[in-house]
Structures are given as C-alpha cells and as structure tokens.
Amino acid sequence: MEGTGFAWLLALLALAALVIYYYNRLVFNRARVAEAWSGIDVQLKRRASLIPALVECVRQYMHYEQDALQAVVQERQRAVQLADSPLGQRAPVEAHLGTQLRQLFALVEDYPALKADGQFLDLQRTLTDVENHIQMARRYYNGAVRELNVRVESVPSNLVARAFAFAPADYFSLDDPRDAQSPNMEF
C-alpha cells in the first residue's frame, strides 16, 4: 500500500513537471510572437515617419500628380490611426499603403529631375531599407506564430494550452500577392 502511494506521488510530480514544461514553452512562444510583432510595428512606424518627407520632396516636382500624393497621405494617416490596433485591422491598411507607395514611385519615372534629387535619393534608399526590414520582420513574425500555433494545437501541449487559455495567433497575411513585394524604388 505504501509503495502504491509513492508511485502515485511520483506520477503526480511527473505530470506537474510536464504541465510546467509545456506551460513555459507556450509562454515563451507567445512572448516570441509579441516580440516579432513589435519588430514589424517598429518598421511600420519608421516607414510612416518617412512618408511626409517623401511626399514633400515629390510635391515640389509633381504638380500634376496631386491625386497620387493625396492617396499616399491618406493611407499613411489611416495607418497611423490604427497603430495600436490588432493585427487583423492593421495589416490590410499597411498593405494598401505599400501599394500606394508603389504607385507613387511608378509615377516618379516621368520626372527625371526628381529622380536625380539628392534628398529624394536618400529617401528612396531609406524607404527601400525599411521595406526590406518590414519583409524580414513579417517572415520572423509568421515563423514565431507558426511555432506558437503548433504548440497550441499539438498533443500534449494542446491540453495545457486549453487549460490556460492559450490561443493560436494570426499570421501576417496579405490579401493581394502584389502587396508582399517591396515597392520598386530603383531608378
């Protein structure tokens, strides 16, 4: 009888150790997703802060393209307003902002003097760098989401996830495949 009690105690301790292990892995993965989203957020804010300078620089040359400039300004304002919103609300707006930037840079092709302007070239390089960082941050975020979601959905960690209300995270996905591409800013 005494041996049975000891066996039960060992079994409970082993079960507790497994629960603690899986709980800690889930917490780690959830923190990694939050950190990855923070990386995307930093780059998106960096891009948003560059857009007013870009618009002003382009405005000096593109007197006839006010609609394109206004579209970029409006999308930036929407993106800034949603800065603290959940990913599901923010991602489509950010993707549309990328589309507007691509359209603006396509119009720049008709303005040789602008393409040679030093300030514009600096902004172009910086925005290209930011867009590349956003793309890398998206990949890192989606990898972190994948790891969390696998833990939340696979046995036996899913039992711990359910018990402690861990939920799968949303991937950073884009509705339009063209939005996955960085704006072409090479002139």
Protein backbone atom coordinates (compact mmCIF):
# COMPACT_ATOMS: atom_id res chain seq x y z
CA MET A 1 0.00 0.00 0.00
CA GLU A 2 2.80 2.34 0.88
CA GLY A 3 4.56 1.64 -2.47
CA THR A 4 1.36 2.50 -4.35
CA GLY A 5 1.15 5.89 -2.64
CA PHE A 6 4.75 6.58 -3.55
CA ALA A 7 4.10 5.61 -7.18
CA TRP A 8 1.11 7.96 -7.29
CA LEU A 9 3.20 10.75 -5.83
CA LEU A 10 5.88 10.20 -8.48
CA ALA A 11 3.24 10.13 -11.20
CA LEU A 12 1.74 13.40 -9.94
CA LEU A 13 5.18 15.01 -9.78
CA ALA A 14 5.96 13.85 -13.32
CA LEU A 15 2.61 15.18 -14.54
CA ALA A 16 3.21 18.50 -12.77
CA ALA A 17 6.68 18.73 -14.33
CA LEU A 18 5.20 18.11 -17.80
CA VAL A 19 2.50 20.74 -17.29
CA ILE A 20 5.12 23.25 -16.12
CA TYR A 21 7.37 22.43 -19.08
CA TYR A 22 4.61 22.82 -21.67
CA TYR A 23 3.24 25.94 -19.97
CA ASN A 24 6.68 27.56 -20.05
CA ARG A 25 7.15 26.64 -23.73
CA LEU A 26 3.78 28.18 -24.55
CA VAL A 27 4.65 31.35 -22.62
CA PHE A 28 7.99 31.52 -24.45
CA ASN A 29 6.30 31.14 -27.84
CA ARG A 30 3.63 33.73 -27.01
CA ALA A 31 6.36 36.17 -25.96
CA ARG A 32 8.26 35.49 -29.19
CA VAL A 33 5.13 36.31 -31.22
CA ALA A 34 4.70 39.57 -29.28
CA GLU A 35 8.37 40.44 -29.80
CA ALA A 36 8.11 39.64 -33.51
CA TRP A 37 5.04 41.86 -33.87
CA SER A 38 6.96 44.61 -32.10
CA GLY A 39 9.65 44.31 -34.77
CA ILE A 40 7.08 44.77 -37.52
CA ASP A 41 5.49 47.65 -35.64
CA VAL A 42 8.82 49.49 -35.33
CA GLN A 43 9.46 49.21 -39.06
CA LEU A 44 5.92 50.27 -39.96
CA LYS A 45 6.25 53.35 -37.74
CA ARG A 46 9.63 54.07 -39.29
CA ARG A 47 8.06 53.91 -42.76
CA ALA A 48 5.19 56.15 -41.66
CA SER A 49 7.63 58.73 -40.33
CA LEU A 50 9.47 58.87 -43.69
CA ILE A 51 6.36 59.38 -45.80
CA PRO A 52 5.76 63.10 -45.00
CA ALA A 53 9.32 63.96 -46.12
CA LEU A 54 8.90 61.85 -49.25
CA VAL A 55 5.58 63.49 -50.12
CA GLU A 56 7.01 66.98 -49.62
CA CYS A 57 10.04 66.18 -51.75
CA VAL A 58 7.90 64.72 -54.52
CA ARG A 59 5.30 67.50 -54.29
CA GLN A 60 7.91 70.06 -55.34
CA TYR A 61 8.32 68.26 -58.66
CA MET A 62 4.99 66.59 -59.34
CA HIS A 63 2.50 69.43 -59.71
CA TYR A 64 0.15 67.29 -61.78
CA GLU A 65 0.08 64.18 -59.63
CA GLN A 66 -1.76 65.51 -56.60
CA ASP A 67 -4.17 62.55 -56.52
CA ALA A 68 -1.31 60.08 -56.09
CA LEU A 69 0.26 62.17 -53.35
CA GLN A 70 -3.06 62.59 -51.58
CA ALA A 71 -3.69 58.82 -51.69
CA VAL A 72 -0.34 58.15 -50.00
CA VAL A 73 -1.02 60.80 -47.35
CA GLN A 74 -4.49 59.40 -46.62
CA GLU A 75 -3.22 55.81 -46.33
CA ARG A 76 -0.45 56.95 -44.01
CA GLN A 77 -2.99 58.74 -41.82
CA ARG A 78 -5.13 55.58 -41.67
CA ALA A 79 -2.05 53.51 -40.78
CA VAL A 80 -1.03 55.93 -38.01
CA GLN A 81 -4.57 55.95 -36.60
CA LEU A 82 -4.51 52.14 -36.41
CA ALA A 83 -1.03 52.00 -34.83
CA ASP A 84 -2.36 50.39 -31.64
CA SER A 85 -4.99 48.23 -33.35
CA PRO A 86 -4.87 44.44 -33.60
CA LEU A 87 -3.07 42.84 -36.50
CA GLY A 88 -6.28 41.86 -38.30
CA GLN A 89 -7.33 45.50 -38.64
CA ARG A 90 -3.92 46.96 -39.27
CA ALA A 91 -2.38 44.57 -41.82
CA PRO A 92 -4.73 45.39 -44.75
CA VAL A 93 -4.21 49.13 -44.25
CA GLU A 94 -0.42 48.73 -44.13
CA ALA A 95 -0.54 46.54 -47.24
CA HIS A 96 -2.61 49.16 -49.06
CA LEU A 97 -0.10 51.83 -48.02
CA GLY A 98 2.63 49.73 -49.66
CA THR A 99 0.53 49.58 -52.83
CA GLN A 100 0.08 53.36 -52.82
CA LEU A 101 3.85 53.81 -52.41
CA ARG A 102 4.50 51.52 -55.38
CA GLN A 103 2.08 53.56 -57.49
CA LEU A 104 3.74 56.80 -56.42
CA PHE A 105 7.18 55.50 -57.34
CA ALA A 106 5.87 54.35 -60.70
CA LEU A 107 4.78 57.95 -61.39
CA VAL A 108 8.24 59.25 -60.45
CA GLU A 109 9.56 57.65 -63.64
CA ASP A 110 8.11 60.61 -65.57
CA TYR A 111 10.15 63.16 -63.57
CA PRO A 112 13.89 62.90 -64.38
CA ALA A 113 14.78 65.93 -62.26
CA LEU A 114 13.16 64.30 -59.23
CA LYS A 115 15.00 61.04 -59.83
CA ALA A 116 18.27 63.00 -59.63
CA ASP A 117 17.40 64.98 -56.49
CA GLY A 118 19.73 64.14 -53.56
CA GLN A 119 17.02 64.33 -50.90
CA PHE A 120 14.75 62.10 -52.93
CA LEU A 121 17.56 59.58 -53.49
CA ASP A 122 18.27 59.47 -49.74
CA LEU A 123 14.58 58.94 -49.00
CA GLN A 124 14.43 56.28 -51.69
CA ARG A 125 17.34 54.35 -50.16
CA THR A 126 15.94 54.66 -46.66
CA LEU A 127 12.46 53.53 -47.72
CA THR A 128 13.93 50.59 -49.62
CA ASP A 129 15.84 49.62 -46.48
CA VAL A 130 12.70 49.95 -44.34
CA GLU A 131 10.62 47.90 -46.77
CA ASN A 132 13.26 45.15 -46.68
CA HIS A 133 13.22 45.22 -42.88
CA ILE A 134 9.42 45.01 -42.88
CA GLN A 135 9.58 41.97 -45.13
CA MET A 136 12.14 40.27 -42.86
CA ALA A 137 10.12 41.15 -39.77
CA ARG A 138 6.97 39.67 -41.36
CA ARG A 139 8.80 36.40 -42.04
CA TYR A 140 10.14 36.26 -38.48
CA TYR A 141 6.69 37.04 -37.08
CA ASN A 142 5.00 34.35 -39.16
CA GLY A 143 7.65 31.84 -38.06
CA ALA A 144 7.02 32.71 -34.42
CA VAL A 145 3.26 32.40 -34.99
CA ARG A 146 3.77 29.00 -36.62
CA GLU A 147 5.74 27.74 -33.59
CA LEU A 148 3.12 29.00 -31.14
CA ASN A 149 0.24 27.59 -33.18
CA VAL A 150 1.90 24.18 -33.43
CA ARG A 151 2.30 24.08 -29.66
CA VAL A 152 -1.28 25.26 -29.09
CA GLU A 153 -2.68 22.63 -31.45
CA SER A 154 -0.45 19.57 -30.95
CA VAL A 155 -0.73 16.88 -28.29
CA PRO A 156 0.10 17.00 -25.38
CA SER A 157 0.83 20.73 -25.23
CA ASN A 158 -2.67 21.50 -26.52
CA LEU A 159 -4.09 20.15 -23.25
CA VAL A 160 -2.03 22.66 -21.29
CA ALA A 161 -2.84 25.39 -23.81
CA ARG A 162 -6.56 24.79 -23.40
CA ALA A 163 -6.31 24.67 -19.62
CA PHE A 164 -4.52 28.03 -19.51
CA ALA A 165 -6.43 29.70 -22.38
CA PHE A 166 -3.58 29.95 -24.89
CA ALA A 167 -4.95 30.70 -28.34
CA PRO A 168 -3.43 30.45 -31.80
CA ALA A 169 -2.10 33.73 -33.18
CA ASP A 170 -2.97 35.26 -36.55
CA TYR A 171 -0.47 35.18 -39.37
CA PHE A 172 0.51 38.42 -41.04
CA SER A 173 -1.04 37.66 -44.41
CA LEU A 174 -1.76 39.86 -47.36
CA ASP A 175 -4.91 39.82 -49.46
CA ASP A 176 -3.16 40.87 -52.66
CA PRO A 177 0.05 38.97 -53.56
CA ARG A 178 1.46 42.19 -55.04
CA ASP A 179 1.43 43.67 -51.52
CA ALA A 180 4.08 41.15 -50.48
CA GLN A 181 6.57 42.84 -52.77
CA SER A 182 8.57 45.85 -51.69
CA PRO A 183 7.96 48.98 -53.70
CA ASN A 184 10.33 49.15 -56.64
CA MET A 185 12.36 52.25 -55.89
CA GLU A 186 15.28 51.65 -58.21
CA PHE A 187 15.65 54.37 -60.82
